[in-house]
Each structure stands twice: as structure tokens, then as C-alpha cells.
Amino acid sequence: MSDRKPLILITNDDGYQAKGIAELINAMKGLGELVVFAPDSHRSGMSSAITTAHPLRARIYHKEENLTAYMCNGTPVDCVKLALNEFLERKPDLLVSGVNHGSNAGISVLYSGTVAAALEGCVSNIPSIAFSLCDFTPDADFTYTARIAEKLARKVLSDGLPKGICLNVNVPVGEVKGIRMTTQTQGKWVNEYQRSQDGIGRDVFWMTGNFENWEEDNVNNDEWALANGYAAVVPVKIDMTAHDLIPELKEWEL
């Protein structure tokens, strides 16, 4: 029986200096050997983008016992790929991403660099979890989020996750009543841009918007859980195939 500590890879999309990743690192201490591989600046909304037009660079910015931390000039998915391919001597037992400053519930999973990093872990069959707190402020209180992160990390290290599935975890602001296993809320962002003018009167557009919830009364979705004080855990798959539609498509006369 090996007494080697679990290897935990940590990344985010808010950049290595964000409070959220510092809190996640602290939550993971004691669970294993930690390697942090995070963007050198803010990379929110990058989804699964990868860098192809310029070279990637990475360097150590902090090192202590059982913790080595790198910063990288790429996207969150770049960070995971580069760490796995070039910097780690063995496959991680767990990948954790975040803690993101702001919600990644509902349709936001499509845009989130935080969730994309966890999905990239799935590609390499690494149990992976994305964590987000519904608070965009730089000095947000991560007390409850850190406790939930440690609890879920321990469980996943112990029991694993099915191949190709990661967890998308969102935590509400304030005291948390508990943890709910939920579905992704159906809906979309609307009124997504605010028009204004630059100094010479040309139109410019700032991203804004609000989430249009198509199933507000569904107590099994993540937006309901968050609105009612619960942390929401949604299992997310890398296989995007609509398997139930294939029999119907086969009947098409093409």
C-alpha cells in the first residue's frame, strides 16, 4: 500500500493573484501535494479557449512544502494542458478550479473558464470540480465556500467520479443552509450589452445583461438552490451528444 500523498492540481480563471484561488489552496492544504497552475492575469469568459498564435510561458511564483505554484500566460485550459503535458511527473488524483468570483450557474457553464478547466481535467480522466462563489467583489468572504470545497474534495478523492463527468459547484453569498445536488437551470442571458460612446462619439458596447430564468419554480435546479441559500452541485458531462435524438435522426430521409 503506497503512502504517497494525493496530487491535487489547482487552477482558476481570475488569475493567480485572486483571493478565490488563495482560499482554495488553503482549503486543499492537508489533503495532499498541491500544484497550482494559474493564469498570470484575468481570463474570465474564456470557456475552453486554447492558445495557438503565440508561445506559452510558465514560471514558479511560490514554493513551500507540498505546494508548488506556477503562473502561465495562457487560458485556464492552457494551464491544465501545459501542467499535465510538461510539468507534472504523475497524473493528478484531483483537479480543482476556482474559486471563481461570481456565479457559474445555468447557461454560464458554456462561457466559464473555471468550468472549462474542470472539463479539461475530465478529458484526461481526472476527477475534477469547479467552484464558484456568487460574489464578484475582490475581497469576498469565502468561509463557507472553503468548507464546502474541502468536504467535496475529500469525498471525490475517496470515491472518485464517473469518467467524463465533473462537478460544477456554486455557492450563495452569506450563510449556507446546505448542499443540493441539482440540474442546470434552463435559461439565457438577455440585454447583454450596454451601448455608449467613446470620446469622439463612436458607438462602443459594454457587456452587461441579466439572466432570464425559464424554470423559476423548479426546486431541483441550481438557480433555485442558490436563491434559497443552498450550494448547488451540478454534474457536467464532456460528451455533448444528444443520445436520445439519434433514433429520430436515423429516420430522416437524407
C-alpha atoms as a PDB file:
ATOM      1  CA  MET A   1       0.000   0.000   0.000  1.00  0.00           C
ATOM      2  CA  SER A   2       1.508   3.338  -1.095  1.00  0.00           C
ATOM      3  CA  ASP A   3       1.721   6.154   1.443  1.00  0.00           C
ATOM      4  CA  ARG A   4       2.233   8.723  -1.314  1.00  0.00           C
ATOM      5  CA  LYS A   5       0.056  11.791  -0.859  1.00  0.00           C
ATOM      6  CA  PRO A   6      -2.676  12.521  -3.404  1.00  0.00           C
ATOM      7  CA  LEU A   7      -1.606  15.018  -6.054  1.00  0.00           C
ATOM      8  CA  ILE A   8      -4.060  17.911  -6.459  1.00  0.00           C
ATOM      9  CA  LEU A   9      -3.867  20.301  -9.426  1.00  0.00           C
ATOM     10  CA  ILE A  10      -5.370  23.738  -8.778  1.00  0.00           C
ATOM     11  CA  THR A  11      -6.238  26.391 -11.362  1.00  0.00           C
ATOM     12  CA  ASN A  12      -8.715  29.232 -11.976  1.00  0.00           C
ATOM     13  CA  ASP A  13      -9.703  31.902 -14.487  1.00  0.00           C
ATOM     14  CA  ASP A  14      -9.432  35.011 -12.303  1.00  0.00           C
ATOM     15  CA  GLY A  15      -5.632  34.824 -12.241  1.00  0.00           C
ATOM     16  CA  TYR A  16      -3.061  33.664  -9.734  1.00  0.00           C
ATOM     17  CA  GLN A  17      -3.438  36.778  -7.555  1.00  0.00           C
ATOM     18  CA  ALA A  18      -7.196  36.372  -6.977  1.00  0.00           C
ATOM     19  CA  LYS A  19      -8.388  35.822  -3.422  1.00  0.00           C
ATOM     20  CA  GLY A  20     -10.551  32.907  -4.593  1.00  0.00           C
ATOM     21  CA  ILE A  21      -7.644  30.721  -5.624  1.00  0.00           C
ATOM     22  CA  ALA A  22      -5.735  31.591  -2.442  1.00  0.00           C
ATOM     23  CA  GLU A  23      -8.722  30.406  -0.399  1.00  0.00           C
ATOM     24  CA  LEU A  24      -8.989  27.231  -2.481  1.00  0.00           C
ATOM     25  CA  ILE A  25      -5.294  26.484  -1.941  1.00  0.00           C
ATOM     26  CA  ASN A  26      -5.748  26.875   1.808  1.00  0.00           C
ATOM     27  CA  ALA A  27      -8.798  24.590   1.722  1.00  0.00           C
ATOM     28  CA  MET A  28      -6.801  21.869  -0.063  1.00  0.00           C
ATOM     29  CA  LYS A  29      -3.790  22.003   2.273  1.00  0.00           C
ATOM     30  CA  GLY A  30      -3.672  18.846   4.315  1.00  0.00           C
ATOM     31  CA  LEU A  31      -5.385  16.806   1.602  1.00  0.00           C
ATOM     32  CA  GLY A  32      -2.273  16.141  -0.452  1.00  0.00           C
ATOM     33  CA  GLU A  33       0.563  17.548  -2.507  1.00  0.00           C
ATOM     34  CA  LEU A  34      -0.582  20.710  -4.300  1.00  0.00           C
ATOM     35  CA  VAL A  35       0.470  22.054  -7.684  1.00  0.00           C
ATOM     36  CA  VAL A  36      -1.057  25.376  -8.711  1.00  0.00           C
ATOM     37  CA  PHE A  37      -1.033  26.308 -12.385  1.00  0.00           C
ATOM     38  CA  ALA A  38      -2.974  29.535 -12.905  1.00  0.00           C
ATOM     39  CA  PRO A  39      -3.199  32.332 -15.486  1.00  0.00           C
ATOM     40  CA  ASP A  40      -0.929  35.308 -14.895  1.00  0.00           C
ATOM     41  CA  SER A  41      -3.908  37.673 -15.228  1.00  0.00           C
ATOM     42  CA  HIS A  42      -7.689  37.709 -15.504  1.00  0.00           C
ATOM     43  CA  ARG A  43      -9.016  35.162 -18.050  1.00  0.00           C
ATOM     44  CA  SER A  44     -12.752  35.049 -17.275  1.00  0.00           C
ATOM     45  CA  GLY A  45     -15.184  34.080 -20.018  1.00  0.00           C
ATOM     46  CA  MET A  46     -12.556  32.141 -21.972  1.00  0.00           C
ATOM     47  CA  SER A  47     -14.517  28.869 -21.916  1.00  0.00           C
ATOM     48  CA  SER A  48     -12.294  26.135 -23.420  1.00  0.00           C
ATOM     49  CA  ALA A  49     -10.150  28.523 -25.469  1.00  0.00           C
ATOM     50  CA  ILE A  50      -6.578  27.429 -26.169  1.00  0.00           C
ATOM     51  CA  THR A  51      -3.597  29.470 -27.322  1.00  0.00           C
ATOM     52  CA  THR A  52      -2.215  28.760 -30.781  1.00  0.00           C
ATOM     53  CA  ALA A  53      -0.839  32.070 -32.103  1.00  0.00           C
ATOM     54  CA  HIS A  54       1.963  32.690 -29.594  1.00  0.00           C
ATOM     55  CA  PRO A  55       4.136  30.593 -27.276  1.00  0.00           C
ATOM     56  CA  LEU A  56       3.139  29.760 -23.736  1.00  0.00           C
ATOM     57  CA  ARG A  57       5.384  30.568 -20.795  1.00  0.00           C
ATOM     58  CA  ALA A  58       5.200  29.467 -17.174  1.00  0.00           C
ATOM     59  CA  ARG A  59       7.271  30.152 -14.075  1.00  0.00           C
ATOM     60  CA  ILE A  60       7.164  29.368 -10.378  1.00  0.00           C
ATOM     61  CA  TYR A  61       5.896  32.236  -8.228  1.00  0.00           C
ATOM     62  CA  HIS A  62       5.719  30.398  -4.892  1.00  0.00           C
ATOM     63  CA  LYS A  63       7.094  27.199  -3.397  1.00  0.00           C
ATOM     64  CA  GLU A  64       6.820  25.594   0.012  1.00  0.00           C
ATOM     65  CA  GLU A  65       6.495  22.089   1.388  1.00  0.00           C
ATOM     66  CA  ASN A  66       3.797  20.174  -0.556  1.00  0.00           C
ATOM     67  CA  LEU A  67       2.984  23.243  -2.663  1.00  0.00           C
ATOM     68  CA  THR A  68       4.452  24.459  -5.945  1.00  0.00           C
ATOM     69  CA  ALA A  69       2.676  27.332  -7.681  1.00  0.00           C
ATOM     70  CA  TYR A  70       3.141  28.410 -11.299  1.00  0.00           C
ATOM     71  CA  MET A  71       1.779  31.332 -13.273  1.00  0.00           C
ATOM     72  CA  CYS A  72       1.172  30.951 -17.016  1.00  0.00           C
ATOM     73  CA  ASN A  73       0.415  33.437 -19.797  1.00  0.00           C
ATOM     74  CA  GLY A  74      -2.348  31.223 -21.215  1.00  0.00           C
ATOM     75  CA  THR A  75      -6.004  30.458 -20.667  1.00  0.00           C
ATOM     76  CA  PRO A  76      -7.349  28.184 -17.911  1.00  0.00           C
ATOM     77  CA  VAL A  77      -7.412  25.230 -20.315  1.00  0.00           C
ATOM     78  CA  ASP A  78      -3.875  26.097 -21.451  1.00  0.00           C
ATOM     79  CA  CYS A  79      -2.836  25.921 -17.803  1.00  0.00           C
ATOM     80  CA  VAL A  80      -4.305  22.442 -17.359  1.00  0.00           C
ATOM     81  CA  LYS A  81      -2.896  21.130 -20.634  1.00  0.00           C
ATOM     82  CA  LEU A  82       0.582  22.533 -20.038  1.00  0.00           C
ATOM     83  CA  ALA A  83       0.709  21.273 -16.465  1.00  0.00           C
ATOM     84  CA  LEU A  84      -0.332  17.761 -17.467  1.00  0.00           C
ATOM     85  CA  ASN A  85       1.920  17.545 -20.519  1.00  0.00           C
ATOM     86  CA  GLU A  86       5.112  19.258 -19.389  1.00  0.00           C
ATOM     87  CA  PHE A  87       5.312  19.975 -15.666  1.00  0.00           C
ATOM     88  CA  LEU A  88       3.779  17.146 -13.643  1.00  0.00           C
ATOM     89  CA  GLU A  89       5.646  13.916 -13.078  1.00  0.00           C
ATOM     90  CA  ARG A  90       2.458  11.970 -12.394  1.00  0.00           C
ATOM     91  CA  LYS A  91      -1.230  12.219 -13.115  1.00  0.00           C
ATOM     92  CA  PRO A  92      -3.193  14.254 -10.540  1.00  0.00           C
ATOM     93  CA  ASP A  93      -5.645  12.445  -8.303  1.00  0.00           C
ATOM     94  CA  LEU A  94      -7.888  15.519  -8.306  1.00  0.00           C
ATOM     95  CA  LEU A  95      -8.256  18.801 -10.199  1.00  0.00           C
ATOM     96  CA  VAL A  96      -9.990  21.749  -8.546  1.00  0.00           C
ATOM     97  CA  SER A  97     -10.742  25.015 -10.326  1.00  0.00           C
ATOM     98  CA  GLY A  98     -11.652  28.372  -8.750  1.00  0.00           C
ATOM     99  CA  VAL A  99     -12.877  29.658  -6.508  1.00  0.00           C
ATOM    100  CA  ASN A 100     -14.406  31.909  -9.158  1.00  0.00           C
ATOM    101  CA  HIS A 101     -15.502  35.399  -8.167  1.00  0.00           C
ATOM    102  CA  GLY A 102     -19.107  35.263  -9.437  1.00  0.00           C
ATOM    103  CA  SER A 103     -21.703  32.644 -10.295  1.00  0.00           C
ATOM    104  CA  ASN A 104     -21.231  29.976 -12.963  1.00  0.00           C
ATOM    105  CA  ALA A 105     -24.738  28.555 -12.656  1.00  0.00           C
ATOM    106  CA  GLY A 106     -27.156  27.934 -15.510  1.00  0.00           C
ATOM    107  CA  ILE A 107     -26.025  28.655 -19.063  1.00  0.00           C
ATOM    108  CA  SER A 108     -22.837  30.303 -17.761  1.00  0.00           C
ATOM    109  CA  VAL A 109     -21.151  26.881 -17.882  1.00  0.00           C
ATOM    110  CA  LEU A 110     -20.768  27.445 -21.635  1.00  0.00           C
ATOM    111  CA  TYR A 111     -18.674  30.577 -21.149  1.00  0.00           C
ATOM    112  CA  SER A 112     -16.836  29.856 -17.916  1.00  0.00           C
ATOM    113  CA  GLY A 113     -13.086  29.353 -17.898  1.00  0.00           C
ATOM    114  CA  THR A 114     -13.448  27.958 -14.377  1.00  0.00           C
ATOM    115  CA  VAL A 115     -15.760  25.157 -15.516  1.00  0.00           C
ATOM    116  CA  ALA A 116     -13.794  24.612 -18.738  1.00  0.00           C
ATOM    117  CA  ALA A 117     -10.659  23.869 -16.723  1.00  0.00           C
ATOM    118  CA  ALA A 118     -12.561  21.178 -14.816  1.00  0.00           C
ATOM    119  CA  LEU A 119     -13.918  19.758 -18.069  1.00  0.00           C
ATOM    120  CA  GLU A 120     -10.358  19.617 -19.393  1.00  0.00           C
ATOM    121  CA  GLY A 121      -9.494  17.514 -16.375  1.00  0.00           C
ATOM    122  CA  CYS A 122     -12.299  15.147 -17.428  1.00  0.00           C
ATOM    123  CA  VAL A 123     -10.685  14.795 -20.845  1.00  0.00           C
ATOM    124  CA  SER A 124      -7.686  13.235 -19.107  1.00  0.00           C
ATOM    125  CA  ASN A 125      -9.909  11.172 -16.805  1.00  0.00           C
ATOM    126  CA  ILE A 126      -9.020  13.195 -13.714  1.00  0.00           C
ATOM    127  CA  PRO A 127     -11.788  13.680 -11.113  1.00  0.00           C
ATOM    128  CA  SER A 128     -12.451  17.416 -11.332  1.00  0.00           C
ATOM    129  CA  ILE A 129     -14.506  20.054  -9.521  1.00  0.00           C
ATOM    130  CA  ALA A 130     -15.203  23.704 -10.401  1.00  0.00           C
ATOM    131  CA  PHE A 131     -16.043  26.066  -7.537  1.00  0.00           C
ATOM    132  CA  SER A 132     -17.705  29.480  -7.792  1.00  0.00           C
ATOM    133  CA  LEU A 133     -18.999  31.966  -5.215  1.00  0.00           C
ATOM    134  CA  CYS A 134     -21.864  34.268  -6.212  1.00  0.00           C
ATOM    135  CA  ASP A 135     -19.904  37.372  -5.215  1.00  0.00           C
ATOM    136  CA  PHE A 136     -17.875  39.360  -7.746  1.00  0.00           C
ATOM    137  CA  THR A 137     -16.091  41.549  -5.189  1.00  0.00           C
ATOM    138  CA  PRO A 138     -12.308  41.061  -4.957  1.00  0.00           C
ATOM    139  CA  ASP A 139     -12.431  40.707  -1.143  1.00  0.00           C
ATOM    140  CA  ALA A 140     -15.406  38.329  -0.973  1.00  0.00           C
ATOM    141  CA  ASP A 141     -15.922  36.118   2.083  1.00  0.00           C
ATOM    142  CA  PHE A 142     -15.032  32.542   1.092  1.00  0.00           C
ATOM    143  CA  THR A 143     -15.547  30.980   4.534  1.00  0.00           C
ATOM    144  CA  TYR A 144     -18.443  28.682   3.614  1.00  0.00           C
ATOM    145  CA  THR A 145     -17.122  28.038   0.116  1.00  0.00           C
ATOM    146  CA  ALA A 146     -13.794  26.828   1.507  1.00  0.00           C
ATOM    147  CA  ARG A 147     -15.541  24.407   3.875  1.00  0.00           C
ATOM    148  CA  ILE A 148     -17.665  23.028   1.040  1.00  0.00           C
ATOM    149  CA  ALA A 149     -14.618  22.735  -1.216  1.00  0.00           C
ATOM    150  CA  GLU A 150     -12.698  20.726   1.369  1.00  0.00           C
ATOM    151  CA  LYS A 151     -15.687  18.450   2.069  1.00  0.00           C
ATOM    152  CA  LEU A 152     -16.326  17.722  -1.630  1.00  0.00           C
ATOM    153  CA  ALA A 153     -12.626  17.289  -2.395  1.00  0.00           C
ATOM    154  CA  ARG A 154     -12.301  14.697   0.376  1.00  0.00           C
ATOM    155  CA  LYS A 155     -15.332  12.829  -0.950  1.00  0.00           C
ATOM    156  CA  VAL A 156     -14.108  12.829  -4.555  1.00  0.00           C
ATOM    157  CA  LEU A 157     -10.590  11.791  -3.538  1.00  0.00           C
ATOM    158  CA  SER A 158     -12.152   8.898  -1.652  1.00  0.00           C
ATOM    159  CA  ASP A 159     -14.850   7.788  -4.105  1.00  0.00           C
ATOM    160  CA  GLY A 160     -13.888   9.320  -7.442  1.00  0.00           C
ATOM    161  CA  LEU A 161     -16.248  10.444 -10.202  1.00  0.00           C
ATOM    162  CA  PRO A 162     -17.562   8.651 -13.294  1.00  0.00           C
ATOM    163  CA  LYS A 163     -15.389   9.003 -16.377  1.00  0.00           C
ATOM    164  CA  GLY A 164     -16.166  12.146 -18.370  1.00  0.00           C
ATOM    165  CA  ILE A 165     -18.115  13.887 -15.594  1.00  0.00           C
ATOM    166  CA  CYS A 166     -17.036  16.792 -13.397  1.00  0.00           C
ATOM    167  CA  LEU A 167     -18.886  18.787 -10.738  1.00  0.00           C
ATOM    168  CA  ASN A 168     -19.906  22.422 -11.144  1.00  0.00           C
ATOM    169  CA  VAL A 169     -20.342  23.855  -7.644  1.00  0.00           C
ATOM    170  CA  ASN A 170     -21.874  27.275  -6.984  1.00  0.00           C
ATOM    171  CA  VAL A 171     -22.170  28.780  -3.518  1.00  0.00           C
ATOM    172  CA  PRO A 172     -24.528  31.627  -2.493  1.00  0.00           C
ATOM    173  CA  VAL A 173     -23.434  34.709  -0.581  1.00  0.00           C
ATOM    174  CA  GLY A 174     -23.780  34.540   3.192  1.00  0.00           C
ATOM    175  CA  GLU A 175     -24.580  31.584   5.406  1.00  0.00           C
ATOM    176  CA  VAL A 176     -25.203  28.352   3.503  1.00  0.00           C
ATOM    177  CA  LYS A 177     -28.136  26.151   4.577  1.00  0.00           C
ATOM    178  CA  GLY A 178     -26.711  23.025   2.976  1.00  0.00           C
ATOM    179  CA  ILE A 179     -25.669  21.396  -0.284  1.00  0.00           C
ATOM    180  CA  ARG A 180     -28.163  20.454  -3.022  1.00  0.00           C
ATOM    181  CA  MET A 181     -27.480  18.129  -5.975  1.00  0.00           C
ATOM    182  CA  THR A 182     -29.279  19.924  -8.804  1.00  0.00           C
ATOM    183  CA  THR A 183     -29.769  20.303 -12.531  1.00  0.00           C
ATOM    184  CA  GLN A 184     -28.501  23.179 -14.655  1.00  0.00           C
ATOM    185  CA  THR A 185     -31.185  25.862 -14.888  1.00  0.00           C
ATOM    186  CA  GLN A 186     -32.647  26.362 -18.351  1.00  0.00           C
ATOM    187  CA  GLY A 187     -32.476  29.978 -19.479  1.00  0.00           C
ATOM    188  CA  LYS A 188     -30.285  32.536 -21.211  1.00  0.00           C
ATOM    189  CA  TRP A 189     -28.687  35.926 -20.763  1.00  0.00           C
ATOM    190  CA  VAL A 190     -30.671  38.854 -22.220  1.00  0.00           C
ATOM    191  CA  ASN A 191     -29.982  42.578 -22.668  1.00  0.00           C
ATOM    192  CA  GLU A 192     -26.357  41.565 -22.885  1.00  0.00           C
ATOM    193  CA  TYR A 193     -24.783  44.859 -23.987  1.00  0.00           C
ATOM    194  CA  GLN A 194     -24.922  48.472 -22.933  1.00  0.00           C
ATOM    195  CA  ARG A 195     -24.288  50.967 -25.741  1.00  0.00           C
ATOM    196  CA  SER A 196     -22.304  54.128 -25.093  1.00  0.00           C
ATOM    197  CA  GLN A 197     -19.921  56.398 -26.987  1.00  0.00           C
ATOM    198  CA  ASP A 198     -16.201  56.924 -26.883  1.00  0.00           C
ATOM    199  CA  GLY A 199     -14.524  60.341 -26.753  1.00  0.00           C
ATOM    200  CA  ILE A 200     -15.224  61.107 -30.408  1.00  0.00           C
ATOM    201  CA  GLY A 201     -18.792  59.848 -30.470  1.00  0.00           C
ATOM    202  CA  ARG A 202     -18.312  56.359 -31.881  1.00  0.00           C
ATOM    203  CA  ASP A 203     -20.503  53.565 -30.519  1.00  0.00           C
ATOM    204  CA  VAL A 204     -18.909  51.161 -28.043  1.00  0.00           C
ATOM    205  CA  PHE A 205     -20.555  48.220 -26.280  1.00  0.00           C
ATOM    206  CA  TRP A 206     -20.045  47.032 -22.696  1.00  0.00           C
ATOM    207  CA  MET A 207     -21.086  43.535 -21.629  1.00  0.00           C
ATOM    208  CA  THR A 208     -23.860  43.542 -19.039  1.00  0.00           C
ATOM    209  CA  GLY A 209     -27.208  41.713 -19.040  1.00  0.00           C
ATOM    210  CA  ASN A 210     -29.446  39.692 -16.766  1.00  0.00           C
ATOM    211  CA  PHE A 211     -30.333  36.014 -16.646  1.00  0.00           C
ATOM    212  CA  GLU A 212     -33.759  35.059 -17.997  1.00  0.00           C
ATOM    213  CA  ASN A 213     -34.837  32.017 -15.973  1.00  0.00           C
ATOM    214  CA  TRP A 214     -37.136  29.703 -17.920  1.00  0.00           C
ATOM    215  CA  GLU A 215     -37.945  27.475 -14.943  1.00  0.00           C
ATOM    216  CA  GLU A 216     -38.080  29.652 -11.844  1.00  0.00           C
ATOM    217  CA  ASP A 217     -40.320  27.247  -9.923  1.00  0.00           C
ATOM    218  CA  ASN A 218     -38.116  24.175 -10.415  1.00  0.00           C
ATOM    219  CA  VAL A 219     -36.749  23.363  -6.955  1.00  0.00           C
ATOM    220  CA  ASN A 220     -34.275  20.922  -8.499  1.00  0.00           C
ATOM    221  CA  ASN A 221     -32.193  23.462 -10.448  1.00  0.00           C
ATOM    222  CA  ASP A 222     -29.110  25.399  -9.450  1.00  0.00           C
ATOM    223  CA  GLU A 223     -30.585  28.922  -9.635  1.00  0.00           C
ATOM    224  CA  TRP A 224     -33.404  27.946  -7.230  1.00  0.00           C
ATOM    225  CA  ALA A 225     -30.909  26.389  -4.827  1.00  0.00           C
ATOM    226  CA  LEU A 226     -28.708  29.495  -4.829  1.00  0.00           C
ATOM    227  CA  ALA A 227     -31.664  31.864  -4.421  1.00  0.00           C
ATOM    228  CA  ASN A 228     -32.787  29.846  -1.399  1.00  0.00           C
ATOM    229  CA  GLY A 229     -29.445  29.707   0.385  1.00  0.00           C
ATOM    230  CA  TYR A 230     -28.100  26.342  -0.772  1.00  0.00           C
ATOM    231  CA  ALA A 231     -24.861  25.469  -2.510  1.00  0.00           C
ATOM    232  CA  ALA A 232     -25.681  23.862  -5.865  1.00  0.00           C
ATOM    233  CA  VAL A 233     -23.743  20.890  -7.254  1.00  0.00           C
ATOM    234  CA  VAL A 234     -24.387  20.031 -10.923  1.00  0.00           C
ATOM    235  CA  PRO A 235     -22.725  17.044 -12.625  1.00  0.00           C
ATOM    236  CA  VAL A 236     -21.491  18.166 -16.057  1.00  0.00           C
ATOM    237  CA  LYS A 237     -20.515  15.872 -18.963  1.00  0.00           C
ATOM    238  CA  ILE A 238     -17.890  16.350 -21.658  1.00  0.00           C
ATOM    239  CA  ASP A 239     -19.974  14.184 -24.036  1.00  0.00           C
ATOM    240  CA  MET A 240     -22.403  16.702 -25.570  1.00  0.00           C
ATOM    241  CA  THR A 241     -24.152  14.132 -27.769  1.00  0.00           C
ATOM    242  CA  ALA A 242     -27.968  14.200 -27.584  1.00  0.00           C
ATOM    243  CA  HIS A 243     -28.160  10.402 -27.493  1.00  0.00           C
ATOM    244  CA  ASP A 244     -31.950  10.282 -27.194  1.00  0.00           C
ATOM    245  CA  LEU A 245     -32.335  12.121 -30.520  1.00  0.00           C
ATOM    246  CA  ILE A 246     -30.187   9.752 -32.590  1.00  0.00           C
ATOM    247  CA  PRO A 247     -33.002   7.196 -33.284  1.00  0.00           C
ATOM    248  CA  GLU A 248     -35.202  10.005 -34.633  1.00  0.00           C
ATOM    249  CA  LEU A 249     -32.401  11.412 -36.780  1.00  0.00           C
ATOM    250  CA  LYS A 250     -31.827   7.968 -38.265  1.00  0.00           C
ATOM    251  CA  GLU A 251     -35.403   8.114 -39.625  1.00  0.00           C
ATOM    252  CA  TRP A 252     -34.684  11.244 -41.633  1.00  0.00           C
ATOM    253  CA  GLU A 253     -34.801  10.589 -45.367  1.00  0.00           C
ATOM    254  CA  LEU A 254     -31.487  12.039 -46.397  1.00  0.00           C
END
